[in-house]
Amino acid sequence: MERLNLEGWLPIRVWQQVGEWQVDWCWFGDSPLHQPFFRDAVDDALRLPFNQAFRRQTPLATLGDWQVSRPGLAPNAFIFHASRCGSTLISQMLARLDNHIVISEPPPLDALLRSSLPAAERRAGIEGLLSAYGQRRRGVEQRMVIKLDAWNIAELPLLRECFPDTPWLFVYRDPLEIAVSHLRRAGMHMVPGMIGLSGLDDELPVESREDYIARRVGRLLALGLARCREFGGVAVNYSELPGAMAGRLAGFFGLDDVQRKQVFAAVGQHAKQSSEVFVGDSDDKRREASALLRERVECWAREPYETLENDRRV
């Protein structure tokens, strides 16, 4: 039997085909993942002539086989968030460090977390997937940080079963500012019917975009609050960034004095658009908010936000 060798390859898609779960792999070689999101790194890699000519597809069980053959780094931290609240800034700051692997919102992880696989298979798949992402492809990597999709806060208990000792953050922001961002350009979890999500869906009618988005933001904040209390998460407000990366978050991520300075090289750039200069927009968003949006946010999202703030300050 041919020896399993996936060195330089990373999983880019996990999907079900005729009842069997499959993994698509893409060749990254030793290229670092500096892009704001994993899907951006995948898009860049797929443009390589090699990846246009050669693809690899394996059964899901191959993730476990590769983990046994070549164990990768275990995750050192998870970043959860309420969306549009600074989590990408944190991940991009950490991506400046050569000894860090930063995987930002990888679709295969979301697919496994929300899959209908039997519990044991799902846990094995998640552990094998993160081991594959934790491969030391350049030989200098020592730590790995995973940033999840906003809605994955609902699946935190499952992830804790796989990695019970891994510390995690919940990053959040004033709900009015989050809601304005989604009114400008809605994430797919803020569009009715686009994606079914455990812990966020309800049976209430959609009265308006403002009402629906405010409801979803409120549920994300309430879930974040409940998970922080139950599983010991570290609550981080957008208002603390980026300064907290030189303070309490530097300790959380285990950064030394040199690394605390290195991560701030990313601060002058927009987290999601590296060619643009980052400018704080909280005041603009507050001015832009309509009376209806303000009323809906106060109804659905203000209470969990204030409770998070009270817990954070204790």
Protein backbone atom coordinates (compact mmCIF):
# COMPACT_ATOMS: atom_id res chain seq x y z
CA MET A 1 0.00 0.00 0.00
CA GLU A 2 1.34 3.43 -0.96
CA ARG A 3 2.48 5.48 2.03
CA LEU A 4 0.14 8.36 2.80
CA ASN A 5 1.87 11.64 2.00
CA LEU A 6 -0.04 14.90 2.12
CA GLU A 7 2.89 17.17 2.93
CA GLY A 8 2.18 20.64 1.62
CA TRP A 9 -1.52 19.91 1.07
CA LEU A 10 -4.37 21.44 3.09
CA PRO A 11 -8.08 20.52 3.17
CA ILE A 12 -10.17 23.16 1.40
CA ARG A 13 -13.59 21.50 1.28
CA VAL A 14 -15.46 18.82 3.21
CA TRP A 15 -18.61 17.62 1.55
CA GLN A 16 -21.00 14.71 1.16
CA GLN A 17 -21.19 12.75 -2.08
CA VAL A 18 -23.75 9.95 -2.42
CA GLY A 19 -23.81 9.52 1.33
CA GLU A 20 -20.03 9.45 1.73
CA TRP A 21 -18.08 12.36 3.16
CA GLN A 22 -15.15 13.53 1.06
CA VAL A 23 -12.26 15.97 1.45
CA ASP A 24 -10.84 18.17 -1.31
CA TRP A 25 -7.17 19.10 -0.86
CA CYS A 26 -5.13 21.92 -2.36
CA TRP A 27 -1.36 22.28 -2.63
CA PHE A 28 0.01 25.17 -0.57
CA GLY A 29 3.61 23.99 -0.22
CA ASP A 30 5.28 26.15 2.41
CA SER A 31 3.30 29.32 1.62
CA PRO A 32 2.16 31.10 4.81
CA LEU A 33 -1.51 31.95 5.30
CA HIS A 34 -1.43 35.73 5.64
CA GLN A 35 -4.76 36.47 3.97
CA PRO A 36 -7.68 37.81 6.08
CA PHE A 37 -9.73 34.66 5.48
CA PHE A 38 -8.85 31.06 4.66
CA ARG A 39 -11.02 31.21 1.55
CA ASP A 40 -8.82 34.05 0.24
CA ALA A 41 -5.74 31.84 0.66
CA VAL A 42 -7.56 29.05 -1.17
CA ASP A 43 -8.45 31.36 -4.06
CA ASP A 44 -4.80 32.39 -4.39
CA ALA A 45 -3.57 28.81 -4.24
CA LEU A 46 -6.06 27.59 -6.84
CA ARG A 47 -4.57 30.04 -9.34
CA LEU A 48 -1.29 28.14 -9.29
CA PRO A 49 -0.80 26.08 -12.47
CA PHE A 50 -0.06 22.99 -10.37
CA ASN A 51 -3.43 23.18 -8.62
CA GLN A 52 -5.21 23.76 -11.90
CA ALA A 53 -3.69 20.54 -13.24
CA PHE A 54 -3.69 18.37 -10.12
CA ARG A 55 -6.29 17.93 -7.41
CA ARG A 56 -6.62 15.43 -4.58
CA GLN A 57 -9.84 14.05 -3.17
CA THR A 58 -9.96 11.56 -0.32
CA PRO A 59 -12.51 9.99 2.04
CA LEU A 60 -13.07 11.85 5.32
CA ALA A 61 -11.25 9.07 7.22
CA THR A 62 -8.02 10.16 5.52
CA LEU A 63 -7.91 13.13 7.91
CA GLY A 64 -7.51 10.72 10.81
CA ASP A 65 -4.96 8.62 8.94
CA TRP A 66 -2.87 11.70 8.20
CA GLN A 67 -3.11 12.80 11.81
CA VAL A 68 -1.70 9.44 12.94
CA SER A 69 1.01 9.50 10.27
CA ARG A 70 1.99 13.14 10.71
CA PRO A 71 0.45 14.83 13.79
CA GLY A 72 0.13 18.59 13.45
CA LEU A 73 0.08 21.29 16.09
CA ALA A 74 -2.97 21.31 18.34
CA PRO A 75 -4.86 24.62 18.48
CA ASN A 76 -3.57 27.04 21.10
CA ALA A 77 -6.59 29.35 20.97
CA PHE A 78 -9.99 29.73 19.37
CA ILE A 79 -11.49 33.09 18.41
CA PHE A 80 -15.28 33.32 18.43
CA HIS A 81 -17.09 36.56 17.68
CA ALA A 82 -20.41 38.30 17.12
CA SER A 83 -19.33 39.37 13.58
CA ARG A 84 -18.02 42.73 12.35
CA CYS A 85 -16.38 43.41 15.70
CA GLY A 86 -12.60 43.15 15.40
CA SER A 87 -11.90 39.42 15.32
CA THR A 88 -10.27 39.72 11.89
CA LEU A 89 -8.02 42.47 13.23
CA ILE A 90 -6.83 40.10 15.97
CA SER A 91 -6.23 37.23 13.55
CA GLN A 92 -4.37 39.48 11.11
CA MET A 93 -2.15 40.79 13.89
CA LEU A 94 -1.25 37.23 14.87
CA ALA A 95 -0.66 36.27 11.23
CA ARG A 96 2.29 38.69 11.27
CA LEU A 97 4.17 36.23 13.48
CA ASP A 98 6.24 33.62 11.65
CA ASN A 99 5.78 31.02 14.37
CA HIS A 100 1.97 31.26 14.27
CA ILE A 101 -0.43 29.39 12.01
CA VAL A 102 -3.65 31.42 11.78
CA ILE A 103 -6.65 29.79 10.12
CA SER A 104 -9.52 32.23 9.69
CA GLU A 105 -13.06 30.89 9.21
CA PRO A 106 -12.19 27.72 7.26
CA PRO A 107 -15.33 26.39 5.52
CA PRO A 108 -14.39 22.72 6.13
CA LEU A 109 -14.48 23.26 9.89
CA ASP A 110 -17.88 24.93 9.71
CA ALA A 111 -19.14 22.05 7.54
CA LEU A 112 -18.05 19.44 10.08
CA LEU A 113 -19.31 21.37 13.10
CA ARG A 114 -22.77 21.67 11.57
CA SER A 115 -22.86 18.25 9.89
CA SER A 116 -25.20 15.35 10.68
CA LEU A 117 -22.32 12.91 11.07
CA PRO A 118 -22.45 10.52 14.05
CA ALA A 119 -20.80 12.15 17.06
CA ALA A 120 -17.66 9.98 17.08
CA GLU A 121 -17.05 10.43 13.34
CA ARG A 122 -17.62 14.15 13.58
CA ARG A 123 -15.16 14.54 16.46
CA ALA A 124 -12.56 12.44 14.63
CA GLY A 125 -13.05 14.53 11.50
CA ILE A 126 -12.67 17.82 13.39
CA GLU A 127 -9.54 16.64 15.21
CA GLY A 128 -8.03 15.32 11.97
CA LEU A 129 -8.89 18.51 10.09
CA LEU A 130 -7.21 20.78 12.63
CA SER A 131 -4.19 18.47 12.74
CA ALA A 132 -3.92 18.90 8.96
CA TYR A 133 -4.07 22.69 9.36
CA GLY A 134 -1.47 22.44 12.11
CA GLN A 135 1.21 20.93 9.88
CA ARG A 136 4.54 22.70 10.29
CA ARG A 137 4.96 23.34 6.57
CA ARG A 138 7.80 25.86 7.01
CA GLY A 139 9.41 24.22 10.03
CA VAL A 140 9.18 27.31 12.28
CA GLU A 141 5.56 27.11 13.41
CA GLN A 142 4.98 26.65 17.14
CA ARG A 143 1.40 27.81 17.74
CA MET A 144 -1.92 27.65 15.90
CA VAL A 145 -4.95 29.92 16.32
CA ILE A 146 -8.33 29.20 14.73
CA LYS A 147 -10.91 31.93 14.10
CA LEU A 148 -14.40 30.54 13.56
CA ASP A 149 -17.48 31.86 11.80
CA ALA A 150 -19.74 34.03 13.94
CA TRP A 151 -22.52 31.44 14.10
CA ASN A 152 -20.15 28.70 15.30
CA ILE A 153 -20.57 29.96 18.87
CA ALA A 154 -23.57 27.60 18.85
CA GLU A 155 -21.21 24.64 18.24
CA LEU A 156 -18.72 25.56 20.96
CA PRO A 157 -19.72 22.61 23.20
CA LEU A 158 -18.78 20.18 20.41
CA LEU A 159 -15.44 21.88 19.87
CA ARG A 160 -14.81 21.73 23.62
CA GLU A 161 -15.34 17.96 23.49
CA CYS A 162 -12.49 17.77 20.99
CA PHE A 163 -10.22 20.34 22.64
CA PRO A 164 -11.36 20.79 26.26
CA ASP A 165 -8.25 22.67 27.39
CA THR A 166 -7.91 25.15 24.53
CA PRO A 167 -8.60 28.74 25.69
CA TRP A 168 -10.98 30.87 23.66
CA LEU A 169 -12.17 34.43 23.14
CA PHE A 170 -15.55 35.89 22.37
CA VAL A 171 -15.15 39.24 20.60
CA TYR A 172 -18.17 41.53 20.47
CA ARG A 173 -19.16 45.13 19.88
CA ASP A 174 -21.98 47.56 20.52
CA PRO A 175 -24.90 45.84 18.75
CA LEU A 176 -26.01 49.00 16.96
CA GLU A 177 -22.65 49.19 15.20
CA ILE A 178 -22.80 45.49 14.23
CA ALA A 179 -26.33 45.91 12.91
CA VAL A 180 -25.43 48.95 10.77
CA SER A 181 -22.55 47.00 9.23
CA HIS A 182 -24.92 44.19 8.21
CA LEU A 183 -27.48 46.63 6.85
CA ARG A 184 -24.75 48.04 4.63
CA ARG A 185 -23.61 44.61 3.47
CA ALA A 186 -25.29 41.64 5.09
CA GLY A 187 -23.39 38.52 6.00
CA MET A 188 -25.11 35.35 4.84
CA HIS A 189 -26.27 34.60 8.39
CA MET A 190 -28.15 37.92 8.35
CA VAL A 191 -30.22 37.07 5.24
CA PRO A 192 -33.49 35.22 5.96
CA GLY A 193 -33.46 31.68 4.59
CA MET A 194 -29.88 31.71 3.31
CA ILE A 195 -28.43 29.49 6.02
CA GLY A 196 -30.09 27.50 8.79
CA LEU A 197 -28.29 27.96 12.09
CA SER A 198 -28.66 26.19 15.40
CA GLY A 199 -29.30 28.59 18.23
CA LEU A 200 -30.06 31.56 15.95
CA ASP A 201 -33.17 30.53 14.03
CA ASP A 202 -36.63 31.29 15.34
CA GLU A 203 -40.21 31.13 14.07
CA LEU A 204 -40.94 34.83 14.31
CA PRO A 205 -42.05 36.56 11.09
CA VAL A 206 -39.59 38.85 9.34
CA GLU A 207 -41.09 42.29 9.89
CA SER A 208 -38.17 44.24 8.41
CA ARG A 209 -34.47 43.90 7.70
CA GLU A 210 -33.80 46.00 10.77
CA ASP A 211 -35.83 43.70 13.00
CA TYR A 212 -34.30 40.50 11.60
CA ILE A 213 -30.71 41.71 11.88
CA ALA A 214 -31.21 43.10 15.37
CA ARG A 215 -32.75 39.78 16.44
CA ARG A 216 -29.83 37.81 15.06
CA VAL A 217 -27.26 40.11 16.65
CA GLY A 218 -29.06 39.76 19.96
CA ARG A 219 -29.02 35.98 19.73
CA LEU A 220 -25.31 35.95 18.91
CA LEU A 221 -24.56 38.13 21.92
CA ALA A 222 -26.80 36.04 24.17
CA LEU A 223 -25.12 32.83 23.01
CA GLY A 224 -21.69 34.38 23.53
CA LEU A 225 -22.68 35.42 27.04
CA ALA A 226 -24.03 31.97 27.92
CA ARG A 227 -20.98 30.18 26.49
CA CYS A 228 -18.55 32.50 28.29
CA ARG A 229 -20.25 31.78 31.58
CA GLU A 230 -20.49 28.03 31.01
CA PHE A 231 -17.12 27.35 29.40
CA GLY A 232 -14.89 30.10 30.73
CA GLY A 233 -14.43 32.20 27.61
CA VAL A 234 -12.61 35.54 27.65
CA ALA A 235 -14.93 38.38 26.60
CA VAL A 236 -13.28 41.11 24.51
CA ASN A 237 -14.96 44.32 23.42
CA TYR A 238 -14.03 45.93 20.11
CA SER A 239 -13.33 49.12 22.05
CA GLU A 240 -10.30 47.40 23.65
CA LEU A 241 -8.62 46.85 20.29
CA PRO A 242 -5.93 47.00 19.18
CA GLY A 243 -4.40 48.07 22.49
CA ALA A 244 -5.35 44.86 24.31
CA MET A 245 -2.92 42.98 22.06
CA ALA A 246 -0.11 44.64 24.01
CA GLY A 247 -1.83 43.92 27.32
CA ARG A 248 -4.14 41.19 28.49
CA LEU A 249 -4.48 39.54 25.06
CA ALA A 250 -0.71 39.37 24.69
CA GLY A 251 -0.73 37.19 27.78
CA PHE A 252 -3.69 35.20 26.47
CA PHE A 253 -1.87 34.42 23.21
CA GLY A 254 1.50 33.89 24.89
CA LEU A 255 3.29 36.72 23.06
CA ASP A 256 6.76 37.77 24.17
CA ASP A 257 7.99 41.38 24.22
CA VAL A 258 9.27 41.25 20.63
CA GLN A 259 6.04 39.73 19.31
CA ARG A 260 3.95 42.34 21.09
CA LYS A 261 5.65 44.92 18.87
CA GLN A 262 5.52 42.80 15.70
CA VAL A 263 1.77 42.32 15.77
CA PHE A 264 1.17 46.06 15.59
CA ALA A 265 2.61 46.16 12.08
CA ALA A 266 -0.89 45.16 10.94
CA VAL A 267 -2.74 47.93 12.77
CA GLY A 268 -2.29 50.58 10.09
CA GLN A 269 -4.06 48.38 7.56
CA HIS A 270 -7.73 47.60 7.17
CA ALA A 271 -8.14 44.06 8.54
CA LYS A 272 -10.25 42.78 5.63
CA GLN A 273 -8.68 44.91 2.87
CA SER A 274 -4.91 44.93 3.35
CA SER A 275 -4.43 47.63 0.70
CA GLU A 276 -6.59 50.09 2.64
CA VAL A 277 -5.79 52.09 5.77
CA PHE A 278 -7.88 51.16 8.80
CA VAL A 279 -10.03 53.98 10.17
CA GLY A 280 -12.36 53.50 13.13
CA ASP A 281 -16.00 53.87 12.08
CA SER A 282 -18.02 53.61 15.29
CA ASP A 283 -19.19 57.24 15.19
CA ASP A 284 -20.18 57.00 11.52
CA LYS A 285 -22.21 53.87 12.14
CA ARG A 286 -24.04 55.42 15.06
CA ARG A 287 -24.93 58.46 12.99
CA GLU A 288 -26.13 56.25 10.15
CA ALA A 289 -28.49 54.16 12.28
CA SER A 290 -32.18 54.83 11.66
CA ALA A 291 -34.73 55.29 14.42
CA LEU A 292 -36.24 51.90 13.55
CA LEU A 293 -32.90 50.13 13.81
CA ARG A 294 -32.14 51.81 17.12
CA GLU A 295 -35.50 50.72 18.51
CA ARG A 296 -35.08 47.11 17.32
CA VAL A 297 -31.54 46.86 18.68
CA GLU A 298 -32.70 48.15 22.06
CA CYS A 299 -35.46 45.54 22.03
CA TRP A 300 -33.43 42.50 20.99
CA ALA A 301 -29.74 43.09 21.63
CA ARG A 302 -29.04 45.71 24.27
CA GLU A 303 -29.58 43.49 27.32
CA PRO A 304 -27.09 40.70 26.41
CA TYR A 305 -24.55 43.32 25.37
CA GLU A 306 -24.77 45.17 28.67
CA THR A 307 -24.57 41.91 30.60
CA LEU A 308 -21.45 40.95 28.67
CA GLU A 309 -19.98 44.33 29.53
CA ASN A 310 -20.76 43.88 33.22
CA ASP A 311 -19.17 40.42 33.26
CA ARG A 312 -16.10 41.66 31.38
CA ARG A 313 -15.47 44.43 33.88
CA VAL A 314 -15.69 42.20 36.95
